[in-house]
Amino acid sequence: MNKKNIIGLTISIILIVLAAIFYKGLSKSNNRPGDNELGYYFDLNTRELFVRDGTMRPPIDAPSGADEDGNPAGVRAYVYGKATGDADDIEIAFLEYEVPGGAMISDPEVIKWVSATSVNGTRLRQSCVRRCIGQGYTERVYPRSQ
């Protein structure tokens, strides 16, 4: 290889690396969770969504207060939206709260908790996400900062 080819190859590699870094930066939507960003939660008492710091580990305090047993009534909501990006057109796929050693999940329409890592939990999560996708809610969404 002559000197011109080496320089051309080096410049090409640098441009490819810069393009990859630029693309990765663009794909990091402000609609993805990260440290200290917002997350959707579900109030089990009112069956409504609310927004809190996305790093909180449910169950958490809900706007309506504790449940009938005195436990926090806020659980994480996995929310899906349409490709149009309409922040008001969203659907809850499934709910989750943490327990020692794992997590429990439920369909938001019929609250019945199962272990997230069990066969039933895997089936439930897949079924709930498929239901959302079948209705056109194809990507997980997160609350936007005001």
N, C-alpha and C. Protein backbone atom coordinates (compact mmCIF):
# COMPACT_ATOMS: atom_id res chain seq x y z
N MET A 1 0.85 -1.18 0.00
CA MET A 1 0.00 0.00 0.00
C MET A 1 0.88 1.24 0.00
N ASN A 2 0.48 2.19 -0.82
CA ASN A 2 1.25 3.42 -0.82
C ASN A 2 0.69 4.37 0.23
N LYS A 3 1.41 5.49 0.42
CA LYS A 3 1.07 6.45 1.46
C LYS A 3 -0.33 7.04 1.26
N LYS A 4 -0.72 7.32 0.00
CA LYS A 4 -2.05 7.88 -0.29
C LYS A 4 -3.16 6.93 0.13
N ASN A 5 -2.99 5.65 -0.15
CA ASN A 5 -4.00 4.65 0.22
C ASN A 5 -4.14 4.53 1.73
N ILE A 6 -3.02 4.59 2.44
CA ILE A 6 -3.04 4.48 3.91
C ILE A 6 -3.77 5.69 4.50
N ILE A 7 -3.48 6.88 3.99
CA ILE A 7 -4.14 8.08 4.48
C ILE A 7 -5.64 8.00 4.19
N GLY A 8 -5.99 7.59 2.98
CA GLY A 8 -7.40 7.47 2.61
C GLY A 8 -8.12 6.46 3.48
N LEU A 9 -7.48 5.31 3.75
CA LEU A 9 -8.07 4.29 4.60
C LEU A 9 -8.24 4.80 6.02
N THR A 10 -7.24 5.51 6.54
CA THR A 10 -7.30 6.06 7.90
C THR A 10 -8.44 7.06 8.01
N ILE A 11 -8.56 7.94 7.04
CA ILE A 11 -9.64 8.93 7.06
C ILE A 11 -11.00 8.24 6.99
N SER A 12 -11.11 7.21 6.17
CA SER A 12 -12.37 6.46 6.05
C SER A 12 -12.74 5.82 7.38
N ILE A 13 -11.78 5.22 8.04
CA ILE A 13 -12.04 4.57 9.33
C ILE A 13 -12.48 5.61 10.36
N ILE A 14 -11.81 6.75 10.39
CA ILE A 14 -12.18 7.81 11.33
C ILE A 14 -13.59 8.29 11.06
N LEU A 15 -13.94 8.48 9.79
CA LEU A 15 -15.28 8.93 9.44
C LEU A 15 -16.35 7.90 9.83
N ILE A 16 -16.04 6.64 9.64
CA ILE A 16 -16.99 5.57 10.02
C ILE A 16 -17.20 5.56 11.53
N VAL A 17 -16.11 5.69 12.29
CA VAL A 17 -16.21 5.72 13.75
C VAL A 17 -17.01 6.94 14.20
N LEU A 18 -16.73 8.11 13.62
CA LEU A 18 -17.48 9.31 13.98
C LEU A 18 -18.95 9.18 13.62
N ALA A 19 -19.24 8.59 12.47
CA ALA A 19 -20.64 8.38 12.06
C ALA A 19 -21.34 7.45 13.04
N ALA A 20 -20.66 6.40 13.48
CA ALA A 20 -21.26 5.46 14.44
C ALA A 20 -21.54 6.17 15.76
N ILE A 21 -20.60 6.98 16.22
CA ILE A 21 -20.80 7.72 17.47
C ILE A 21 -21.96 8.70 17.32
N PHE A 22 -22.02 9.41 16.20
CA PHE A 22 -23.10 10.36 15.95
C PHE A 22 -24.44 9.64 15.91
N TYR A 23 -24.51 8.51 15.21
CA TYR A 23 -25.75 7.75 15.11
C TYR A 23 -26.20 7.27 16.48
N LYS A 24 -25.26 6.76 17.29
CA LYS A 24 -25.60 6.29 18.62
C LYS A 24 -26.15 7.43 19.47
N GLY A 25 -25.57 8.61 19.32
CA GLY A 25 -26.07 9.78 20.04
C GLY A 25 -27.47 10.15 19.61
N LEU A 26 -27.77 10.05 18.32
CA LEU A 26 -29.11 10.37 17.83
C LEU A 26 -30.13 9.35 18.30
N SER A 27 -29.72 8.10 18.38
CA SER A 27 -30.67 7.06 18.77
C SER A 27 -30.99 7.09 20.25
N LYS A 28 -30.22 7.84 21.03
CA LYS A 28 -30.53 8.00 22.44
C LYS A 28 -31.61 9.06 22.57
N SER A 29 -32.82 8.62 22.43
CA SER A 29 -33.96 9.52 22.48
C SER A 29 -34.11 10.11 23.88
N ASN A 30 -34.66 11.32 23.94
CA ASN A 30 -34.96 11.88 25.26
C ASN A 30 -36.20 11.20 25.83
N ASN A 31 -36.65 10.16 25.19
CA ASN A 31 -37.81 9.42 25.62
C ASN A 31 -37.41 8.06 26.19
N ARG A 32 -36.17 7.94 26.60
CA ARG A 32 -35.66 6.71 27.21
C ARG A 32 -35.27 6.99 28.66
N PRO A 33 -35.42 5.99 29.53
CA PRO A 33 -35.09 6.24 30.93
C PRO A 33 -33.59 6.24 31.15
N GLY A 34 -33.18 6.94 32.14
CA GLY A 34 -31.80 6.97 32.56
C GLY A 34 -31.78 7.46 33.99
N ASP A 35 -30.61 7.67 34.51
CA ASP A 35 -30.52 8.15 35.87
C ASP A 35 -31.30 9.45 36.03
N ASN A 36 -32.13 9.49 37.06
CA ASN A 36 -32.89 10.68 37.43
C ASN A 36 -33.90 11.14 36.37
N GLU A 37 -34.30 10.26 35.45
CA GLU A 37 -35.35 10.62 34.51
C GLU A 37 -36.68 10.09 35.02
N LEU A 38 -37.73 10.40 34.30
CA LEU A 38 -39.08 10.07 34.76
C LEU A 38 -39.54 8.69 34.31
N GLY A 39 -40.45 8.11 35.07
CA GLY A 39 -41.03 6.82 34.72
C GLY A 39 -42.52 6.83 35.00
N TYR A 40 -43.24 5.93 34.32
CA TYR A 40 -44.67 5.79 34.56
C TYR A 40 -44.90 4.79 35.69
N TYR A 41 -45.86 5.13 36.55
CA TYR A 41 -46.28 4.25 37.63
C TYR A 41 -47.81 4.18 37.61
N PHE A 42 -48.35 3.15 38.23
CA PHE A 42 -49.79 2.89 38.21
C PHE A 42 -50.28 2.88 39.64
N ASP A 43 -51.32 3.63 39.91
CA ASP A 43 -51.94 3.68 41.22
C ASP A 43 -52.97 2.56 41.29
N LEU A 44 -52.71 1.56 42.11
CA LEU A 44 -53.61 0.41 42.20
C LEU A 44 -54.98 0.77 42.77
N ASN A 45 -55.06 1.86 43.54
CA ASN A 45 -56.35 2.28 44.11
C ASN A 45 -57.25 2.95 43.07
N THR A 46 -56.68 3.83 42.27
CA THR A 46 -57.47 4.60 41.29
C THR A 46 -57.38 4.02 39.88
N ARG A 47 -56.43 3.11 39.66
CA ARG A 47 -56.18 2.51 38.34
C ARG A 47 -55.79 3.57 37.32
N GLU A 48 -55.01 4.55 37.77
CA GLU A 48 -54.55 5.63 36.90
C GLU A 48 -53.03 5.70 36.90
N LEU A 49 -52.49 6.20 35.79
CA LEU A 49 -51.04 6.41 35.70
C LEU A 49 -50.65 7.68 36.45
N PHE A 50 -49.42 7.66 36.98
CA PHE A 50 -48.82 8.87 37.52
C PHE A 50 -47.33 8.80 37.20
N VAL A 51 -46.66 9.91 37.34
CA VAL A 51 -45.25 10.02 36.94
C VAL A 51 -44.41 10.33 38.17
N ARG A 52 -43.28 9.64 38.27
CA ARG A 52 -42.30 9.87 39.33
C ARG A 52 -40.91 9.65 38.73
N ASP A 53 -39.91 9.84 39.56
CA ASP A 53 -38.53 9.57 39.17
C ASP A 53 -38.46 8.11 38.69
N GLY A 54 -37.94 7.90 37.49
CA GLY A 54 -37.90 6.57 36.90
C GLY A 54 -36.98 5.58 37.59
N THR A 55 -36.15 6.06 38.50
CA THR A 55 -35.23 5.15 39.19
C THR A 55 -35.84 4.58 40.48
N MET A 56 -37.06 5.02 40.83
CA MET A 56 -37.69 4.51 42.05
C MET A 56 -38.05 3.04 41.87
N ARG A 57 -37.91 2.28 42.95
CA ARG A 57 -38.17 0.84 42.90
C ARG A 57 -39.52 0.56 43.57
N PRO A 58 -40.49 0.11 42.77
CA PRO A 58 -41.83 -0.12 43.33
C PRO A 58 -41.90 -1.36 44.21
N PRO A 59 -42.85 -1.42 45.13
CA PRO A 59 -43.96 -0.50 45.28
C PRO A 59 -43.52 0.84 45.89
N ILE A 60 -44.20 1.91 45.45
CA ILE A 60 -43.92 3.25 45.94
C ILE A 60 -45.23 3.89 46.38
N ASP A 61 -45.12 5.01 47.10
CA ASP A 61 -46.32 5.73 47.52
C ASP A 61 -47.06 6.23 46.29
N ALA A 62 -48.36 6.01 46.28
CA ALA A 62 -49.22 6.46 45.18
C ALA A 62 -49.92 7.75 45.58
N PRO A 63 -50.38 8.55 44.62
CA PRO A 63 -51.10 9.78 44.95
C PRO A 63 -52.33 9.55 45.82
N SER A 64 -52.97 8.38 45.68
CA SER A 64 -54.18 8.10 46.45
C SER A 64 -53.89 7.58 47.85
N GLY A 65 -52.63 7.34 48.18
CA GLY A 65 -52.27 6.81 49.48
C GLY A 65 -52.03 5.31 49.43
N ALA A 66 -52.03 4.71 50.60
CA ALA A 66 -51.75 3.28 50.72
C ALA A 66 -52.95 2.44 50.29
N ASP A 67 -52.68 1.15 50.02
CA ASP A 67 -53.78 0.25 49.70
C ASP A 67 -54.53 -0.13 50.98
N GLU A 68 -55.54 -0.97 50.87
CA GLU A 68 -56.36 -1.31 52.04
C GLU A 68 -55.59 -2.05 53.14
N ASP A 69 -54.42 -2.61 52.79
CA ASP A 69 -53.60 -3.28 53.79
C ASP A 69 -52.51 -2.36 54.35
N GLY A 70 -52.50 -1.11 53.91
CA GLY A 70 -51.52 -0.15 54.39
C GLY A 70 -50.21 -0.16 53.62
N ASN A 71 -50.15 -0.89 52.50
CA ASN A 71 -48.94 -0.97 51.68
C ASN A 71 -48.94 0.12 50.60
N PRO A 72 -47.76 0.52 50.14
CA PRO A 72 -47.72 1.49 49.04
C PRO A 72 -48.47 0.94 47.83
N ALA A 73 -49.26 1.79 47.17
CA ALA A 73 -50.13 1.35 46.08
C ALA A 73 -49.60 1.72 44.70
N GLY A 74 -48.36 2.18 44.61
CA GLY A 74 -47.79 2.54 43.32
C GLY A 74 -46.87 1.45 42.78
N VAL A 75 -47.12 1.03 41.55
CA VAL A 75 -46.29 0.01 40.89
C VAL A 75 -45.84 0.55 39.53
N ARG A 76 -44.74 0.01 39.02
CA ARG A 76 -44.22 0.46 37.72
C ARG A 76 -45.19 0.03 36.61
N ALA A 77 -45.38 0.92 35.64
CA ALA A 77 -46.21 0.63 34.48
C ALA A 77 -45.33 0.62 33.24
N TYR A 78 -45.40 -0.45 32.48
CA TYR A 78 -44.70 -0.53 31.19
C TYR A 78 -45.68 -0.02 30.15
N VAL A 79 -45.38 1.15 29.61
CA VAL A 79 -46.30 1.88 28.75
C VAL A 79 -45.78 1.90 27.32
N TYR A 80 -46.69 1.67 26.39
CA TYR A 80 -46.33 1.66 24.96
C TYR A 80 -47.10 2.77 24.24
N GLY A 81 -46.46 3.30 23.20
CA GLY A 81 -47.07 4.36 22.40
C GLY A 81 -47.02 4.01 20.93
N LYS A 82 -47.66 4.86 20.14
CA LYS A 82 -47.68 4.67 18.69
C LYS A 82 -46.51 5.41 18.06
N ALA A 83 -46.16 5.00 16.87
CA ALA A 83 -45.04 5.61 16.16
C ALA A 83 -45.27 7.08 15.87
N THR A 84 -46.51 7.54 15.95
CA THR A 84 -46.82 8.95 15.70
C THR A 84 -46.20 9.85 16.76
N GLY A 85 -45.89 9.28 17.92
CA GLY A 85 -45.27 10.05 18.99
C GLY A 85 -46.25 10.85 19.82
N ASP A 86 -47.54 10.64 19.64
CA ASP A 86 -48.56 11.35 20.41
C ASP A 86 -48.46 10.89 21.87
N ALA A 87 -48.02 11.80 22.74
CA ALA A 87 -47.78 11.45 24.15
C ALA A 87 -49.06 11.10 24.89
N ASP A 88 -50.22 11.49 24.36
CA ASP A 88 -51.49 11.19 25.02
C ASP A 88 -52.10 9.88 24.55
N ASP A 89 -51.56 9.31 23.48
CA ASP A 89 -52.10 8.06 22.92
C ASP A 89 -51.19 6.91 23.33
N ILE A 90 -51.41 6.43 24.54
CA ILE A 90 -50.54 5.40 25.12
C ILE A 90 -51.39 4.26 25.68
N GLU A 91 -50.74 3.14 25.90
CA GLU A 91 -51.41 1.94 26.42
C GLU A 91 -50.49 1.28 27.44
N ILE A 92 -51.06 0.83 28.56
CA ILE A 92 -50.27 0.13 29.57
C ILE A 92 -50.19 -1.34 29.16
N ALA A 93 -48.96 -1.84 29.01
CA ALA A 93 -48.77 -3.25 28.65
C ALA A 93 -48.90 -4.12 29.89
N PHE A 94 -48.06 -3.86 30.89
CA PHE A 94 -48.13 -4.65 32.12
C PHE A 94 -47.58 -3.85 33.28
N LEU A 95 -47.80 -4.35 34.49
CA LEU A 95 -47.39 -3.69 35.73
C LEU A 95 -46.31 -4.53 36.41
N GLU A 96 -45.52 -3.89 37.25
CA GLU A 96 -44.45 -4.61 37.94
C GLU A 96 -44.17 -3.98 39.30
N TYR A 97 -43.87 -4.83 40.26
CA TYR A 97 -43.31 -4.34 41.52
C TYR A 97 -42.24 -5.34 41.97
N GLU A 98 -41.35 -4.85 42.81
CA GLU A 98 -40.22 -5.68 43.22
C GLU A 98 -40.47 -6.35 44.55
N VAL A 99 -39.94 -7.56 44.65
CA VAL A 99 -39.94 -8.33 45.89
C VAL A 99 -38.51 -8.81 46.10
N PRO A 100 -38.18 -9.19 47.33
CA PRO A 100 -36.82 -9.70 47.54
C PRO A 100 -36.50 -10.84 46.57
N GLY A 101 -35.45 -10.69 45.81
CA GLY A 101 -35.03 -11.74 44.89
C GLY A 101 -35.70 -11.72 43.53
N GLY A 102 -36.48 -10.67 43.21
CA GLY A 102 -37.10 -10.66 41.89
C GLY A 102 -38.18 -9.62 41.74
N ALA A 103 -39.11 -9.91 40.87
CA ALA A 103 -40.21 -8.99 40.59
C ALA A 103 -41.48 -9.78 40.31
N MET A 104 -42.59 -9.11 40.52
CA MET A 104 -43.91 -9.66 40.22
C MET A 104 -44.52 -8.79 39.13
N ILE A 105 -45.26 -9.41 38.21
CA ILE A 105 -45.92 -8.65 37.14
C ILE A 105 -47.40 -9.02 37.06
N SER A 106 -48.16 -8.11 36.45
CA SER A 106 -49.60 -8.34 36.29
C SER A 106 -50.10 -7.63 35.04
N ASP A 107 -51.15 -8.16 34.47
CA ASP A 107 -51.89 -7.48 33.42
C ASP A 107 -52.62 -6.32 34.11
N PRO A 108 -52.62 -5.11 33.54
CA PRO A 108 -53.30 -3.98 34.20
C PRO A 108 -54.82 -4.11 34.20
N GLU A 109 -55.36 -4.93 33.31
CA GLU A 109 -56.81 -5.06 33.23
C GLU A 109 -57.36 -6.00 34.30
N VAL A 110 -56.59 -7.03 34.65
CA VAL A 110 -56.97 -7.99 35.68
C VAL A 110 -55.76 -8.16 36.59
N ILE A 111 -55.81 -7.52 37.75
CA ILE A 111 -54.66 -7.54 38.64
C ILE A 111 -54.53 -8.92 39.28
N LYS A 112 -53.54 -9.66 38.81
CA LYS A 112 -53.22 -10.98 39.36
C LYS A 112 -51.70 -11.12 39.20
N TRP A 113 -50.99 -11.08 40.31
CA TRP A 113 -49.53 -11.03 40.29
C TRP A 113 -48.91 -12.40 40.13
N VAL A 114 -47.90 -12.48 39.25
CA VAL A 114 -47.12 -13.70 39.06
C VAL A 114 -45.64 -13.31 39.01
N SER A 115 -44.79 -14.26 39.32
CA SER A 115 -43.35 -14.01 39.27
C SER A 115 -42.93 -13.67 37.84
N ALA A 116 -42.18 -12.58 37.69
CA ALA A 116 -41.74 -12.14 36.36
C ALA A 116 -40.84 -13.16 35.69
N THR A 117 -40.13 -13.97 36.47
CA THR A 117 -39.19 -14.93 35.89
C THR A 117 -39.79 -16.31 35.69
N SER A 118 -41.03 -16.50 36.09
CA SER A 118 -41.68 -17.80 35.91
C SER A 118 -42.15 -17.96 34.47
N VAL A 119 -42.51 -19.18 34.11
CA VAL A 119 -43.06 -19.44 32.78
C VAL A 119 -44.32 -18.61 32.59
N ASN A 120 -45.19 -18.58 33.61
CA ASN A 120 -46.42 -17.78 33.51
C ASN A 120 -46.12 -16.30 33.38
N GLY A 121 -45.08 -15.83 34.07
CA GLY A 121 -44.69 -14.44 33.97
C GLY A 121 -44.20 -14.08 32.58
N THR A 122 -43.40 -14.96 32.01
CA THR A 122 -42.91 -14.74 30.65
C THR A 122 -44.07 -14.72 29.66
N ARG A 123 -44.98 -15.66 29.79
CA ARG A 123 -46.15 -15.70 28.90
C ARG A 123 -47.01 -14.45 29.06
N LEU A 124 -47.21 -14.03 30.31
CA LEU A 124 -48.03 -12.85 30.57
C LEU A 124 -47.40 -11.60 29.94
N ARG A 125 -46.12 -11.42 30.15
CA ARG A 125 -45.43 -10.25 29.58
C ARG A 125 -45.55 -10.25 28.06
N GLN A 126 -45.28 -11.41 27.45
CA GLN A 126 -45.36 -11.51 25.98
C GLN A 126 -46.78 -11.23 25.50
N SER A 127 -47.76 -11.78 26.17
CA SER A 127 -49.16 -11.59 25.78
C SER A 127 -49.56 -10.12 25.89
N CYS A 128 -49.18 -9.47 26.97
CA CYS A 128 -49.54 -8.07 27.17
C CYS A 128 -48.87 -7.17 26.13
N VAL A 129 -47.60 -7.44 25.84
CA VAL A 129 -46.89 -6.63 24.85
C VAL A 129 -47.47 -6.89 23.46
N ARG A 130 -47.79 -8.15 23.15
CA ARG A 130 -48.42 -8.47 21.86
C ARG A 130 -49.76 -7.75 21.70
N ARG A 131 -50.53 -7.68 22.79
CA ARG A 131 -51.82 -6.98 22.74
C ARG A 131 -51.60 -5.52 22.37
N CYS A 132 -50.61 -4.88 22.97
CA CYS A 132 -50.31 -3.48 22.65
C CYS A 132 -49.88 -3.33 21.20
N ILE A 133 -48.98 -4.18 20.77
CA ILE A 133 -48.48 -4.10 19.39
C ILE A 133 -49.62 -4.33 18.41
N GLY A 134 -50.50 -5.27 18.71
CA GLY A 134 -51.65 -5.53 17.84
C GLY A 134 -52.58 -4.33 17.71
N GLN A 135 -52.57 -3.45 18.70
CA GLN A 135 -53.39 -2.25 18.66
C GLN A 135 -52.61 -1.05 18.10
N GLY A 136 -51.38 -1.30 17.63
CA GLY A 136 -50.58 -0.23 17.04
C GLY A 136 -49.66 0.49 18.01
N TYR A 137 -49.61 0.05 19.26
CA TYR A 137 -48.71 0.63 20.24
C TYR A 137 -47.41 -0.17 20.19
N THR A 138 -46.47 0.30 19.40
CA THR A 138 -45.33 -0.53 19.02
C THR A 138 -44.03 -0.26 19.78
N GLU A 139 -43.95 0.83 20.53
CA GLU A 139 -42.68 1.08 21.23
C GLU A 139 -42.92 1.53 22.65
N ARG A 140 -42.03 1.10 23.53
CA ARG A 140 -42.14 1.51 24.92
C ARG A 140 -41.84 3.00 25.02
N VAL A 141 -42.64 3.71 25.79
CA VAL A 141 -42.47 5.15 25.93
C VAL A 141 -42.30 5.52 27.40
N TYR A 142 -41.75 6.71 27.61
CA TYR A 142 -41.46 7.23 28.94
C TYR A 142 -41.96 8.66 29.01
N PRO A 143 -42.32 9.11 30.20
CA PRO A 143 -42.79 10.50 30.31
C PRO A 143 -41.67 11.46 29.91
N ARG A 144 -42.08 12.56 29.32
CA ARG A 144 -41.11 13.59 28.95
C ARG A 144 -41.04 14.63 30.07
N SER A 145 -39.85 15.15 30.28
CA SER A 145 -39.69 16.22 31.27
C SER A 145 -40.45 17.45 30.81
N GLN A 146 -41.03 18.13 31.76
CA GLN A 146 -41.81 19.34 31.43
C GLN A 146 -40.91 20.53 31.22
